[in-house]
C-alpha atoms as a PDB file:
ATOM      1  CA  MET A   1     -10.451 -20.805  12.326  1.00  0.00           C
ATOM      2  CA  ILE A   2      -8.065 -20.574   9.436  1.00  0.00           C
ATOM      3  CA  ARG A   3      -8.408 -23.029   6.670  1.00  0.00           C
ATOM      4  CA  VAL A   4      -4.550 -22.561   5.135  1.00  0.00           C
ATOM      5  CA  ASN A   5      -1.897 -22.954   7.926  1.00  0.00           C
ATOM      6  CA  PRO A   6       1.021 -21.026   6.830  1.00  0.00           C
ATOM      7  CA  PHE A   7       1.694 -20.000  10.654  1.00  0.00           C
ATOM      8  CA  GLY A   8       4.450 -21.167  11.498  1.00  0.00           C
ATOM      9  CA  GLY A   9       3.598  17.948  31.290  1.00  0.00           C
ATOM     10  CA  LEU A  10       5.994  20.628  30.709  1.00  0.00           C
ATOM     11  CA  VAL A  11       6.563  23.112  32.953  1.00  0.00           C
ATOM     12  CA  LYS A  12       7.025  26.948  32.831  1.00  0.00           C
ATOM     13  CA  SER A  13      10.222  27.050  35.365  1.00  0.00           C
ATOM     14  CA  PHE A  14      13.642  27.925  34.417  1.00  0.00           C
ATOM     15  CA  SER A  15      14.884  24.504  36.145  1.00  0.00           C
ATOM     16  CA  GLY A  16      11.937  22.557  34.846  1.00  0.00           C
ATOM     17  CA  PHE A  17      12.404  23.779  31.082  1.00  0.00           C
ATOM     18  CA  SER A  18      16.210  23.292  31.841  1.00  0.00           C
ATOM     19  CA  LEU A  19      15.714  19.747  32.783  1.00  0.00           C
ATOM     20  CA  TRP A  20      13.460  18.809  29.591  1.00  0.00           C
ATOM     21  CA  ILE A  21      16.191  20.493  27.087  1.00  0.00           C
ATOM     22  CA  LEU A  22      18.645  18.280  28.835  1.00  0.00           C
ATOM     23  CA  PHE A  23      16.339  14.824  28.650  1.00  0.00           C
ATOM     24  CA  CYS A  24      16.115  15.734  24.801  1.00  0.00           C
ATOM     25  CA  LEU A  25      19.657  16.204  24.523  1.00  0.00           C
ATOM     26  CA  LEU A  26      20.732  13.317  26.191  1.00  0.00           C
ATOM     27  CA  HIS A  27      18.296  11.619  24.692  1.00  0.00           C
ATOM     28  CA  SER A  28      19.291  12.403  21.258  1.00  0.00           C
ATOM     29  CA  ALA A  29      22.958  11.814  22.162  1.00  0.00           C
ATOM     30  CA  PHE A  30      22.560   8.653  23.823  1.00  0.00           C
ATOM     31  CA  CYS A  31      19.252   6.905  22.722  1.00  0.00           C
ATOM     32  CA  ILE A  32      19.167   6.953  19.303  1.00  0.00           C
ATOM     33  CA  PRO A  33      22.323   6.326  17.691  1.00  0.00           C
ATOM     34  CA  PRO A  34      21.423   5.658  13.498  1.00  0.00           C
ATOM     35  CA  ALA A  35      23.819   3.048  13.437  1.00  0.00           C
ATOM     36  CA  GLN A  36      22.080   1.060  15.669  1.00  0.00           C
ATOM     37  CA  ALA A  37      18.255   1.798  14.248  1.00  0.00           C
ATOM     38  CA  GLN A  38      15.993  -1.142  13.625  1.00  0.00           C
ATOM     39  CA  PRO A  39      14.980  -1.393   9.988  1.00  0.00           C
ATOM     40  CA  PHE A  40      11.388  -2.516   9.044  1.00  0.00           C
ATOM     41  CA  GLN A  41      10.867  -5.419   7.227  1.00  0.00           C
ATOM     42  CA  LEU A  42       8.015  -5.933   4.309  1.00  0.00           C
ATOM     43  CA  PRO A  43       4.952  -7.130   5.983  1.00  0.00           C
ATOM     44  CA  THR A  44       4.244 -10.003   3.031  1.00  0.00           C
ATOM     45  CA  ALA A  45       6.728 -12.078   0.855  1.00  0.00           C
ATOM     46  CA  ASN A  46       6.191  -9.452  -1.966  1.00  0.00           C
ATOM     47  CA  ARG A  47       9.415  -7.846  -2.324  1.00  0.00           C
ATOM     48  CA  ALA A  48       8.520  -6.443  -5.829  1.00  0.00           C
ATOM     49  CA  ILE A  49       8.949  -2.351  -4.547  1.00  0.00           C
ATOM     50  CA  PHE A  50      12.756  -2.951  -4.766  1.00  0.00           C
ATOM     51  CA  ASP A  51      12.473  -4.038  -8.126  1.00  0.00           C
ATOM     52  CA  LYS A  52      12.468  -1.177 -10.383  1.00  0.00           C
ATOM     53  CA  GLY A  53       9.878  -0.924 -12.949  1.00  0.00           C
ATOM     54  CA  ALA A  54       7.843  -3.877 -11.193  1.00  0.00           C
ATOM     55  CA  GLU A  55       5.540  -1.568  -9.048  1.00  0.00           C
ATOM     56  CA  GLU A  56       2.298  -3.322 -10.570  1.00  0.00           C
ATOM     57  CA  LYS A  57       3.504  -6.343  -9.194  1.00  0.00           C
ATOM     58  CA  PHE A  58       3.823  -4.610  -5.647  1.00  0.00           C
ATOM     59  CA  PHE A  59       0.893  -2.355  -5.139  1.00  0.00           C
ATOM     60  CA  VAL A  60      -3.037  -2.569  -6.002  1.00  0.00           C
ATOM     61  CA  GLY A  61      -4.588   0.328  -7.536  1.00  0.00           C
ATOM     62  CA  THR A  62      -8.243   1.117  -6.704  1.00  0.00           C
ATOM     63  CA  THR A  63     -11.064  -0.071  -9.123  1.00  0.00           C
ATOM     64  CA  GLY A  64     -10.129   0.949 -12.596  1.00  0.00           C
ATOM     65  CA  LYS A  65      -7.240   3.127 -11.579  1.00  0.00           C
ATOM     66  CA  PRO A  66      -3.468   2.437 -11.863  1.00  0.00           C
ATOM     67  CA  TRP A  67      -1.102   1.192  -9.722  1.00  0.00           C
ATOM     68  CA  PRO A  68      -0.259   4.873  -8.092  1.00  0.00           C
ATOM     69  CA  SER A  69      -3.451   5.041  -6.402  1.00  0.00           C
ATOM     70  CA  GLY A  70      -2.363   2.238  -4.062  1.00  0.00           C
ATOM     71  CA  THR A  71       0.648   4.206  -3.044  1.00  0.00           C
ATOM     72  CA  PHE A  72       0.715   6.730  -0.186  1.00  0.00           C
ATOM     73  CA  GLY A  73      -0.306  10.041  -0.522  1.00  0.00           C
ATOM     74  CA  CYS A  74      -2.910  12.343  -2.144  1.00  0.00           C
ATOM     75  CA  VAL A  75      -3.518   9.607  -4.755  1.00  0.00           C
ATOM     76  CA  ARG A  76      -7.249   9.201  -4.251  1.00  0.00           C
ATOM     77  CA  SER A  77     -10.276  11.058  -6.292  1.00  0.00           C
ATOM     78  CA  ASP A  78      -7.926  12.672  -8.439  1.00  0.00           C
ATOM     79  CA  GLY A  79      -5.587  13.811  -5.782  1.00  0.00           C
ATOM     80  CA  HIS A  80      -8.196  15.154  -3.584  1.00  0.00           C
ATOM     81  CA  GLN A  81      -8.519  12.013  -1.103  1.00  0.00           C
ATOM     82  CA  MET A  82      -5.401  10.785   1.141  1.00  0.00           C
ATOM     83  CA  HIS A  83      -4.490   7.469   1.226  1.00  0.00           C
ATOM     84  CA  GLU A  84      -2.026   6.817   4.429  1.00  0.00           C
ATOM     85  CA  GLY A  85      -0.829   3.231   4.096  1.00  0.00           C
ATOM     86  CA  LEU A  86       0.571   0.943   0.746  1.00  0.00           C
ATOM     87  CA  ASP A  87      -2.146  -1.696  -0.773  1.00  0.00           C
ATOM     88  CA  ILE A  88       0.541  -4.184  -1.402  1.00  0.00           C
ATOM     89  CA  ARG A  89      -0.645  -7.262  -4.031  1.00  0.00           C
ATOM     90  CA  CYS A  90      -0.924 -10.692  -2.811  1.00  0.00           C
ATOM     91  CA  LEU A  91       1.437 -13.815  -4.311  1.00  0.00           C
ATOM     92  CA  SER A  92      -0.636 -16.684  -3.125  1.00  0.00           C
ATOM     93  CA  ARG A  93      -3.937 -17.961  -3.541  1.00  0.00           C
ATOM     94  CA  ASP A  94      -6.248 -20.839  -2.746  1.00  0.00           C
ATOM     95  CA  LYS A  95      -8.404 -22.805  -5.119  1.00  0.00           C
ATOM     96  CA  ARG A  96     -11.235 -20.305  -4.735  1.00  0.00           C
ATOM     97  CA  GLY A  97      -9.006 -17.662  -5.686  1.00  0.00           C
ATOM     98  CA  GLU A  98      -8.934 -16.304  -2.097  1.00  0.00           C
ATOM     99  CA  PRO A  99      -5.605 -14.554  -0.982  1.00  0.00           C
ATOM    100  CA  THR A 100      -3.321 -16.987   1.354  1.00  0.00           C
ATOM    101  CA  ASP A 101      -0.618 -14.356   1.951  1.00  0.00           C
ATOM    102  CA  PRO A 102       1.312 -14.752   5.406  1.00  0.00           C
ATOM    103  CA  VAL A 103       1.226 -11.121   6.910  1.00  0.00           C
ATOM    104  CA  MET A 104       3.904 -10.524   9.265  1.00  0.00           C
ATOM    105  CA  ALA A 105       5.033  -7.916  11.855  1.00  0.00           C
ATOM    106  CA  SER A 106       7.346  -5.649  10.264  1.00  0.00           C
ATOM    107  CA  CYS A 107       9.480  -5.012  13.384  1.00  0.00           C
ATOM    108  CA  ASP A 108       9.697  -6.143  16.948  1.00  0.00           C
ATOM    109  CA  GLY A 109       6.803  -4.621  18.896  1.00  0.00           C
ATOM    110  CA  THR A 110       3.968  -5.569  21.198  1.00  0.00           C
ATOM    111  CA  VAL A 111      -0.150  -6.028  19.543  1.00  0.00           C
ATOM    112  CA  ALA A 112      -1.980  -2.690  20.731  1.00  0.00           C
ATOM    113  CA  TYR A 113      -5.220  -3.456  19.014  1.00  0.00           C
ATOM    114  CA  VAL A 114      -6.860  -6.196  17.141  1.00  0.00           C
ATOM    115  CA  ASN A 115     -10.129  -5.535  15.622  1.00  0.00           C
ATOM    116  CA  ALA A 116     -12.247  -8.574  14.540  1.00  0.00           C
ATOM    117  CA  ARG A 117     -15.558  -6.633  13.618  1.00  0.00           C
ATOM    118  CA  VAL A 118     -15.633  -6.643   9.655  1.00  0.00           C
ATOM    119  CA  SER A 119     -18.830  -4.095  10.250  1.00  0.00           C
ATOM    120  CA  ALA A 120     -16.787  -1.615  12.342  1.00  0.00           C
ATOM    121  CA  SER A 121     -14.319  -0.264   9.920  1.00  0.00           C
ATOM    122  CA  ASN A 122     -13.539   0.286   6.274  1.00  0.00           C
ATOM    123  CA  TYR A 123     -10.144  -1.449   7.059  1.00  0.00           C
ATOM    124  CA  GLY A 124     -12.289  -4.527   7.986  1.00  0.00           C
ATOM    125  CA  LYS A 125     -10.314  -6.968  10.320  1.00  0.00           C
ATOM    126  CA  TYR A 126      -7.455  -4.901  11.191  1.00  0.00           C
ATOM    127  CA  VAL A 127      -4.404  -5.030  13.541  1.00  0.00           C
ATOM    128  CA  VAL A 128      -2.182  -2.179  15.130  1.00  0.00           C
ATOM    129  CA  LEU A 129       1.320  -3.088  16.762  1.00  0.00           C
ATOM    130  CA  ARG A 130       3.181  -0.758  18.844  1.00  0.00           C
ATOM    131  CA  HIS A 131       7.117  -0.218  18.335  1.00  0.00           C
ATOM    132  CA  SER A 132      10.031   1.600  19.806  1.00  0.00           C
ATOM    133  CA  ILE A 133      12.517   2.415  16.991  1.00  0.00           C
ATOM    134  CA  GLU A 134      15.727   4.846  18.166  1.00  0.00           C
ATOM    135  CA  GLY A 135      13.493   5.912  21.305  1.00  0.00           C
ATOM    136  CA  MET A 136      10.578   6.772  19.117  1.00  0.00           C
ATOM    137  CA  GLU A 137       6.802   5.013  19.433  1.00  0.00           C
ATOM    138  CA  VAL A 138       5.646   3.940  16.183  1.00  0.00           C
ATOM    139  CA  PHE A 139       2.771   1.921  15.301  1.00  0.00           C
ATOM    140  CA  THR A 140       2.075  -0.198  12.208  1.00  0.00           C
ATOM    141  CA  LEU A 141      -1.036  -1.044  11.072  1.00  0.00           C
ATOM    142  CA  TYR A 142      -2.328  -4.390   8.832  1.00  0.00           C
ATOM    143  CA  ALA A 143      -5.522  -3.877   7.417  1.00  0.00           C
ATOM    144  CA  HIS A 144      -8.175  -5.955   5.225  1.00  0.00           C
ATOM    145  CA  LEU A 145      -7.060  -9.253   7.054  1.00  0.00           C
ATOM    146  CA  SER A 146      -8.843 -12.544   6.511  1.00  0.00           C
ATOM    147  CA  ASP A 147      -8.070 -14.136   9.770  1.00  0.00           C
ATOM    148  CA  PHE A 148      -5.342 -13.578  12.667  1.00  0.00           C
ATOM    149  CA  ALA A 149      -2.646 -15.703  13.745  1.00  0.00           C
ATOM    150  CA  PRO A 150      -3.539 -17.962  17.129  1.00  0.00           C
ATOM    151  CA  GLY A 151      -3.505 -16.137  20.330  1.00  0.00           C
ATOM    152  CA  LEU A 152      -2.936 -13.047  19.142  1.00  0.00           C
ATOM    153  CA  LYS A 153      -4.471 -10.243  21.321  1.00  0.00           C
ATOM    154  CA  ALA A 154      -3.852  -7.023  22.639  1.00  0.00           C
ATOM    155  CA  GLY A 155       0.005  -6.956  24.761  1.00  0.00           C
ATOM    156  CA  LYS A 156       1.412 -10.036  23.124  1.00  0.00           C
ATOM    157  CA  ALA A 157       4.828  -9.601  22.203  1.00  0.00           C
ATOM    158  CA  VAL A 158       5.766 -10.298  18.378  1.00  0.00           C
ATOM    159  CA  LYS A 159       9.184 -10.213  16.447  1.00  0.00           C
ATOM    160  CA  ALA A 160       9.849  -9.260  13.131  1.00  0.00           C
ATOM    161  CA  GLY A 161       8.860 -11.663  10.549  1.00  0.00           C
ATOM    162  CA  GLU A 162       6.397 -13.121  12.646  1.00  0.00           C
ATOM    163  CA  THR A 163       2.928 -14.161  10.877  1.00  0.00           C
ATOM    164  CA  ILE A 164       0.182 -12.023  12.967  1.00  0.00           C
ATOM    165  CA  ALA A 165      -2.592 -12.619  10.028  1.00  0.00           C
ATOM    166  CA  ILE A 166      -3.102 -14.078   6.535  1.00  0.00           C
ATOM    167  CA  MET A 167      -4.372 -11.403   3.825  1.00  0.00           C
ATOM    168  CA  GLY A 168      -7.680 -10.642   2.872  1.00  0.00           C
ATOM    169  CA  ARG A 169     -10.361  -8.102   1.536  1.00  0.00           C
ATOM    170  CA  THR A 170     -12.585  -7.640   4.443  1.00  0.00           C
ATOM    171  CA  SER A 171     -13.936  -3.970   4.786  1.00  0.00           C
ATOM    172  CA  ASN A 172     -17.514  -2.380   5.704  1.00  0.00           C
ATOM    173  CA  THR A 173     -17.173  -0.039   2.653  1.00  0.00           C
ATOM    174  CA  ARG A 174     -20.043  -0.203  -0.322  1.00  0.00           C
ATOM    175  CA  GLU A 175     -17.669  -1.219  -3.082  1.00  0.00           C
ATOM    176  CA  ARG A 176     -16.190  -4.337  -1.839  1.00  0.00           C
ATOM    177  CA  ILE A 177     -12.782  -5.224  -2.262  1.00  0.00           C
ATOM    178  CA  SER A 178     -12.641  -7.785  -5.582  1.00  0.00           C
ATOM    179  CA  PRO A 179     -10.513 -11.170  -5.241  1.00  0.00           C
ATOM    180  CA  GLU A 180      -8.227  -9.420  -8.187  1.00  0.00           C
ATOM    181  CA  ARG A 181      -7.543  -6.464  -6.113  1.00  0.00           C
ATOM    182  CA  ALA A 182      -6.851  -8.682  -2.448  1.00  0.00           C
ATOM    183  CA  HIS A 183      -4.030  -6.725  -0.948  1.00  0.00           C
ATOM    184  CA  VAL A 184      -3.158  -5.957   2.789  1.00  0.00           C
ATOM    185  CA  HIS A 185      -3.138  -2.144   3.554  1.00  0.00           C
ATOM    186  CA  PHE A 186      -0.096  -1.544   5.377  1.00  0.00           C
ATOM    187  CA  GLU A 187       0.646   1.596   7.222  1.00  0.00           C
ATOM    188  CA  ILE A 188       3.563   3.214   9.524  1.00  0.00           C
ATOM    189  CA  ASN A 189       2.200   6.183  11.886  1.00  0.00           C
ATOM    190  CA  LEU A 190       2.910   8.211  14.573  1.00  0.00           C
ATOM    191  CA  PHE A 191       0.218   8.772  17.544  1.00  0.00           C
ATOM    192  CA  VAL A 192      -1.584  11.752  18.078  1.00  0.00           C
ATOM    193  CA  ASN A 193      -3.105  11.813  21.354  1.00  0.00           C
ATOM    194  CA  GLU A 194      -4.259   9.018  24.126  1.00  0.00           C
ATOM    195  CA  HIS A 195      -7.334  11.489  25.030  1.00  0.00           C
ATOM    196  CA  PHE A 196      -8.748  10.727  21.687  1.00  0.00           C
ATOM    197  CA  ALA A 197     -12.005   9.123  23.071  1.00  0.00           C
ATOM    198  CA  ALA A 198     -12.763  12.590  25.015  1.00  0.00           C
ATOM    199  CA  TRP A 199     -12.194  14.788  21.843  1.00  0.00           C
ATOM    200  CA  TYR A 200     -14.027  12.191  19.626  1.00  0.00           C
ATOM    201  CA  LYS A 201     -17.339  12.279  21.922  1.00  0.00           C
ATOM    202  CA  LYS A 202     -17.014  16.069  21.748  1.00  0.00           C
ATOM    203  CA  GLU A 203     -16.608  16.090  17.976  1.00  0.00           C
ATOM    204  CA  HIS A 204     -19.145  13.201  17.242  1.00  0.00           C
ATOM    205  CA  PRO A 205     -21.668  13.460  20.193  1.00  0.00           C
ATOM    206  CA  LYS A 206     -24.373  10.915  18.100  1.00  0.00           C
ATOM    207  CA  ASP A 207     -21.607   8.559  16.597  1.00  0.00           C
ATOM    208  CA  PRO A 208     -20.207   5.257  18.153  1.00  0.00           C
ATOM    209  CA  ASP A 209     -16.379   5.077  19.268  1.00  0.00           C
ATOM    210  CA  ASP A 210     -16.044   1.609  18.097  1.00  0.00           C
ATOM    211  CA  HIS A 211     -11.845   1.711  18.489  1.00  0.00           C
ATOM    212  CA  GLY A 212     -11.411   4.029  20.939  1.00  0.00           C
ATOM    213  CA  MET A 213      -7.543   5.561  20.806  1.00  0.00           C
ATOM    214  CA  TRP A 214      -7.131   3.125  17.771  1.00  0.00           C
ATOM    215  CA  ASN A 215      -9.361   4.691  15.674  1.00  0.00           C
ATOM    216  CA  GLY A 216      -7.074   5.638  12.174  1.00  0.00           C
ATOM    217  CA  ILE A 217      -7.926   9.178  12.819  1.00  0.00           C
ATOM    218  CA  ASN A 218      -5.506   8.930  15.536  1.00  0.00           C
ATOM    219  CA  LEU A 219      -2.558   7.566  13.493  1.00  0.00           C
ATOM    220  CA  LEU A 220      -0.579   9.895  11.298  1.00  0.00           C
ATOM    221  CA  GLY A 221       0.927   8.307   8.338  1.00  0.00           C
ATOM    222  CA  LEU A 222       4.717   8.080   7.264  1.00  0.00           C
ATOM    223  CA  ASP A 223       5.057   7.241   3.935  1.00  0.00           C
ATOM    224  CA  PRO A 224       6.204   3.283   4.087  1.00  0.00           C
ATOM    225  CA  ARG A 225       7.428   3.437   0.246  1.00  0.00           C
ATOM    226  CA  LEU A 226      10.077   6.597   1.089  1.00  0.00           C
ATOM    227  CA  ILE A 227      11.211   4.925   4.196  1.00  0.00           C
ATOM    228  CA  LEU A 228      11.690   1.542   3.279  1.00  0.00           C
ATOM    229  CA  LEU A 229      13.383   2.654  -0.107  1.00  0.00           C
ATOM    230  CA  GLU A 230      15.881   5.012   1.941  1.00  0.00           C
ATOM    231  CA  GLN A 231      16.718   2.233   4.583  1.00  0.00           C
ATOM    232  CA  GLN A 232      17.438   0.035   1.686  1.00  0.00           C
ATOM    233  CA  ALA A 233      19.618   2.510   0.178  1.00  0.00           C
ATOM    234  CA  GLN A 234      21.476   3.989   3.688  1.00  0.00           C
ATOM    235  CA  GLY A 235      21.557   0.543   5.334  1.00  0.00           C
ATOM    236  CA  ALA A 236      22.894   0.976   8.818  1.00  0.00           C
ATOM    237  CA  LYS A 237      23.306   4.727   8.543  1.00  0.00           C
ATOM    238  CA  PHE A 238      19.231   5.036   8.172  1.00  0.00           C
ATOM    239  CA  SER A 239      17.517   6.885  10.885  1.00  0.00           C
ATOM    240  CA  LEU A 240      13.586   7.146  11.376  1.00  0.00           C
ATOM    241  CA  VAL A 241      14.219   9.873  13.509  1.00  0.00           C
ATOM    242  CA  LYS A 242      16.031  12.026  10.829  1.00  0.00           C
ATOM    243  CA  PHE A 243      13.634  10.651   8.173  1.00  0.00           C
ATOM    244  CA  VAL A 244      10.918  12.378   9.921  1.00  0.00           C
ATOM    245  CA  GLN A 245      12.325  15.766  10.701  1.00  0.00           C
ATOM    246  CA  SER A 246      13.499  15.684   6.814  1.00  0.00           C
ATOM    247  CA  ARG A 247      10.031  15.471   5.731  1.00  0.00           C
ATOM    248  CA  PRO A 248       8.987  18.651   3.229  1.00  0.00           C
ATOM    249  CA  GLU A 249       7.530  21.466   5.577  1.00  0.00           C
ATOM    250  CA  LEU A 250       3.877  22.400   4.639  1.00  0.00           C
ATOM    251  CA  CYS A 251       3.362  25.378   7.435  1.00  0.00           C
ATOM    252  CA  ARG A 252       4.163  26.511  10.633  1.00  0.00           C
ATOM    253  CA  VAL A 253       1.443  26.985  13.061  1.00  0.00           C
ATOM    254  CA  LEU A 254       1.694  28.756  16.561  1.00  0.00           C
ATOM    255  CA  VAL A 255      -0.222  27.028  19.066  1.00  0.00           C
ATOM    256  CA  ARG A 256      -1.211  28.704  22.319  1.00  0.00           C
ATOM    257  CA  ASP A 257      -0.512  25.827  24.744  1.00  0.00           C
ATOM    258  CA  ALA A 258       2.301  24.816  26.722  1.00  0.00           C
ATOM    259  CA  SER A 259       1.442  21.071  27.520  1.00  0.00           C
ATOM    260  CA  PHE A 260       0.238  18.168  25.348  1.00  0.00           C
ATOM    261  CA  PRO A 261       0.589  14.659  25.178  1.00  0.00           C
ATOM    262  CA  TYR A 262       2.687  14.683  21.670  1.00  0.00           C
ATOM    263  CA  LEU A 263       5.376  16.622  23.190  1.00  0.00           C
ATOM    264  CA  LYS A 264       6.456  14.189  25.916  1.00  0.00           C
ATOM    265  CA  ARG A 265       5.443  11.492  23.347  1.00  0.00           C
ATOM    266  CA  TYR A 266       8.186  12.842  20.755  1.00  0.00           C
ATOM    267  CA  PRO A 267      10.740  14.490  22.463  1.00  0.00           C
ATOM    268  CA  MET A 268      13.531  14.168  19.559  1.00  0.00           C
ATOM    269  CA  LEU A 269      11.304  16.815  17.592  1.00  0.00           C
ATOM    270  CA  LEU A 270      12.131  19.013  20.328  1.00  0.00           C
ATOM    271  CA  HIS A 271      13.533  22.449  19.055  1.00  0.00           C
ATOM    272  CA  PRO A 272      15.415  24.177  21.501  1.00  0.00           C
ATOM    273  CA  ASN A 273      14.769  27.974  22.194  1.00  0.00           C
ATOM    274  CA  PRO A 274      16.923  29.857  24.843  1.00  0.00           C
ATOM    275  CA  VAL A 275      14.232  32.765  25.304  1.00  0.00           C
ATOM    276  CA  ALA A 276      11.351  30.454  26.223  1.00  0.00           C
ATOM    277  CA  GLU A 277      14.340  28.584  28.637  1.00  0.00           C
ATOM    278  CA  LYS A 278      14.557  31.751  30.399  1.00  0.00           C
ATOM    279  CA  GLU A 279      11.111  33.502  30.172  1.00  0.00           C
ATOM    280  CA  GLY A 280       8.988  30.263  30.282  1.00  0.00           C
ATOM    281  CA  VAL A 281       6.913  28.356  27.819  1.00  0.00           C
ATOM    282  CA  ALA A 282       3.515  30.091  26.590  1.00  0.00           C
ATOM    283  CA  GLY A 283       2.820  28.020  23.743  1.00  0.00           C
ATOM    284  CA  TYR A 284       5.162  25.728  20.605  1.00  0.00           C
ATOM    285  CA  GLU A 285       5.306  26.561  17.109  1.00  0.00           C
ATOM    286  CA  LEU A 286       4.761  23.471  15.425  1.00  0.00           C
ATOM    287  CA  THR A 287       6.117  22.641  11.853  1.00  0.00           C
ATOM    288  CA  LEU A 288       3.690  20.090  10.366  1.00  0.00           C
ATOM    289  CA  ASP A 289       3.977  18.146   6.740  1.00  0.00           C
ATOM    290  CA  PHE A 290       1.252  18.027   4.163  1.00  0.00           C
ATOM    291  CA  ASN A 291      -0.089  14.873   6.448  1.00  0.00           C
ATOM    292  CA  ALA A 292      -0.492  17.077   9.465  1.00  0.00           C
ATOM    293  CA  VAL A 293       2.459  15.213  11.103  1.00  0.00           C
ATOM    294  CA  PRO A 294       4.242  17.317  13.681  1.00  0.00           C
ATOM    295  CA  ILE A 295       7.831  16.803  12.515  1.00  0.00           C
ATOM    296  CA  ALA A 296       9.309  19.692  14.724  1.00  0.00           C
ATOM    297  CA  PHE A 297       7.814  22.046  17.609  1.00  0.00           C
ATOM    298  CA  THR A 298      10.040  24.977  19.399  1.00  0.00           C
ATOM    299  CA  PRO A 299       8.917  26.380  22.421  1.00  0.00           C
ATOM    300  CA  ARG A 300       7.621  30.007  22.479  1.00  0.00           C
ATOM    301  CA  ALA A 301       7.721  32.344  25.589  1.00  0.00           C
ATOM    302  CA  ALA A 302       4.951  35.119  25.760  1.00  0.00           C
ATOM    303  CA  SER A 303       7.022  37.668  24.619  1.00  0.00           C
ATOM    304  CA  GLU A 304       7.334  36.285  21.220  1.00  0.00           C
ATOM    305  CA  ILE A 305       3.957  35.671  20.461  1.00  0.00           C
ATOM    306  CA  LYS A 306       2.232  38.535  19.159  1.00  0.00           C
ATOM    307  CA  SER A 307      -1.173  36.940  18.447  1.00  0.00           C
ATOM    308  CA  LYS A 308      -4.045  36.174  20.945  1.00  0.00           C
ATOM    309  CA  GLN A 309      -5.693  33.493  18.890  1.00  0.00           C
ATOM    310  CA  LYS A 310      -5.132  29.832  20.021  1.00  0.00           C
ATOM    311  CA  TYR A 311      -3.746  28.802  16.441  1.00  0.00           C
ATOM    312  CA  GLN A 312      -2.046  31.085  14.420  1.00  0.00           C
ATOM    313  CA  VAL A 313      -0.416  30.403  10.952  1.00  0.00           C
ATOM    314  CA  LEU A 314       2.780  31.847  10.663  1.00  0.00           C
ATOM    315  CA  SER A 315       4.092  30.280   7.474  1.00  0.00           C
ATOM    316  CA  VAL A 316       2.890  28.150   4.402  1.00  0.00           C
ATOM    317  CA  ASN A 317       4.870  26.171   1.695  1.00  0.00           C
ATOM    318  CA  ALA A 318       2.748  27.190  -0.873  1.00  0.00           C
ATOM    319  CA  ALA A 319       4.105  25.034  -3.324  1.00  0.00           C
ATOM    320  CA  GLU A 320       4.055  21.637  -1.182  1.00  0.00           C
ATOM    321  CA  GLU A 321       0.651  22.562  -0.896  1.00  0.00           C
ATOM    322  CA  GLU A 322      -0.185  22.854  -4.608  1.00  0.00           C
ATOM    323  CA  LYS A 323       1.806  19.305  -4.822  1.00  0.00           C
ATOM    324  CA  ASN A 324      -0.396  17.632  -1.945  1.00  0.00           C
ATOM    325  CA  PRO A 325      -3.734  19.608  -1.424  1.00  0.00           C
ATOM    326  CA  CYS A 326      -6.070  16.728  -0.541  1.00  0.00           C
ATOM    327  CA  ARG A 327      -5.423  17.466   3.521  1.00  0.00           C
ATOM    328  CA  LYS A 328      -6.860  21.114   3.308  1.00  0.00           C
ATOM    329  CA  LEU A 329      -4.728  22.249   6.410  1.00  0.00           C
ATOM    330  CA  VAL A 330      -4.161  25.404   5.259  1.00  0.00           C
ATOM    331  CA  ILE A 331      -6.165  27.592   2.781  1.00  0.00           C
ATOM    332  CA  ARG A 332      -5.488  30.509   1.270  1.00  0.00           C
ATOM    333  CA  ARG A 333      -7.905  33.766   1.299  1.00  0.00           C
ATOM    334  CA  GLY A 334      -6.983  36.466  -0.986  1.00  0.00           C
ATOM    335  CA  LYS A 335      -3.121  37.065  -0.282  1.00  0.00           C
ATOM    336  CA  ASN A 336      -3.220  35.543   3.243  1.00  0.00           C
ATOM    337  CA  TRP A 337      -2.991  31.949   4.607  1.00  0.00           C
ATOM    338  CA  GLU A 338      -5.330  30.903   7.145  1.00  0.00           C
ATOM    339  CA  LEU A 339      -6.371  27.413   8.898  1.00  0.00           C
ATOM    340  CA  GLY A 340      -8.681  25.384   7.042  1.00  0.00           C
ATOM    341  CA  ASN A 341     -11.738  23.251   8.818  1.00  0.00           C
ATOM    342  CA  SER A 342      -9.487  19.792   8.645  1.00  0.00           C
ATOM    343  CA  GLY A 343      -6.626  21.991  10.382  1.00  0.00           C
ATOM    344  CA  ASN A 344      -8.523  23.019  13.200  1.00  0.00           C
ATOM    345  CA  VAL A 345      -9.901  20.281  13.631  1.00  0.00           C
ATOM    346  CA  PHE A 346      -6.450  18.209  13.893  1.00  0.00           C
ATOM    347  CA  LEU A 347      -5.061  20.797  16.419  1.00  0.00           C
ATOM    348  CA  ASN A 348      -8.023  20.638  18.622  1.00  0.00           C
ATOM    349  CA  LEU A 349      -7.318  16.617  19.010  1.00  0.00           C
ATOM    350  CA  LEU A 350      -3.541  17.303  19.122  1.00  0.00           C
ATOM    351  CA  THR A 351      -3.896  19.741  22.134  1.00  0.00           C
ATOM    352  CA  GLN A 352      -6.848  17.866  23.869  1.00  0.00           C
END
């Protein structure tokens, strides 16, 4: 019980591909007007992110490290470890010094998953919510919770600003989260693949799958800080779809696979190609950001594919890789670039 009570497949035929292109164009024209974009809200009452120079009042850094280590990106282990969310500092505590901040839904949606087993995740107790924003399926995650709102369960509808949990410091990591570092870990994600369980069993045959497709591996983080700041600056003009499409490009990879779930889940990221429309789709050229988010994909015909490899690195933004090296999706071999092990693992999951 809560002791405080703050709750108040694509086809290769010309006709099939044409219909797919038509759907995407209609989707872009009629389903995602930027002026009607649903903005995200902060998940707690802490609003210091919007105050210049007040970052230490908002972000919680790792033990002995400054506040940037609580932001999104290659900010852990001297830049070699990825952190896919924001660690937001608490504002209120009880007499024992434990956090009591309400954690609220960032936007309208439904509960996708609730994990109450602290020992099963370094997220501790966490909640995943599903949202539809401009036609885009998006998932927010709230971690290190102490307890959940009464009746919170998968399938429950929630409104933006509705309290879903209480901030805590739960985790199964060896180094516990101290009371001074109490925070909520907040993520904004795209979804990789509903066939995650089959992929995980193949990749990790001896390890239990405690969370099914709601394992953090199956969620690709976008930077919530940038999203929150850009939507505040742009107001009604903010578009989440355009935000995703405008992320800096890390690399382009050719995948010899004509149908996988991500293509149908995020059709607004499709770039039409008349050659593939005419000849049929034999694969896709994917544009990835440094966190492996496919920010664009372009169908390719067999006549456009020269390599017989399942995955082929087409180009790499070396400056972006040097700036954000932690995922090691691509690695340099002499003068050439190739997929790193993590890049191969990710593409196997994406195309499962």
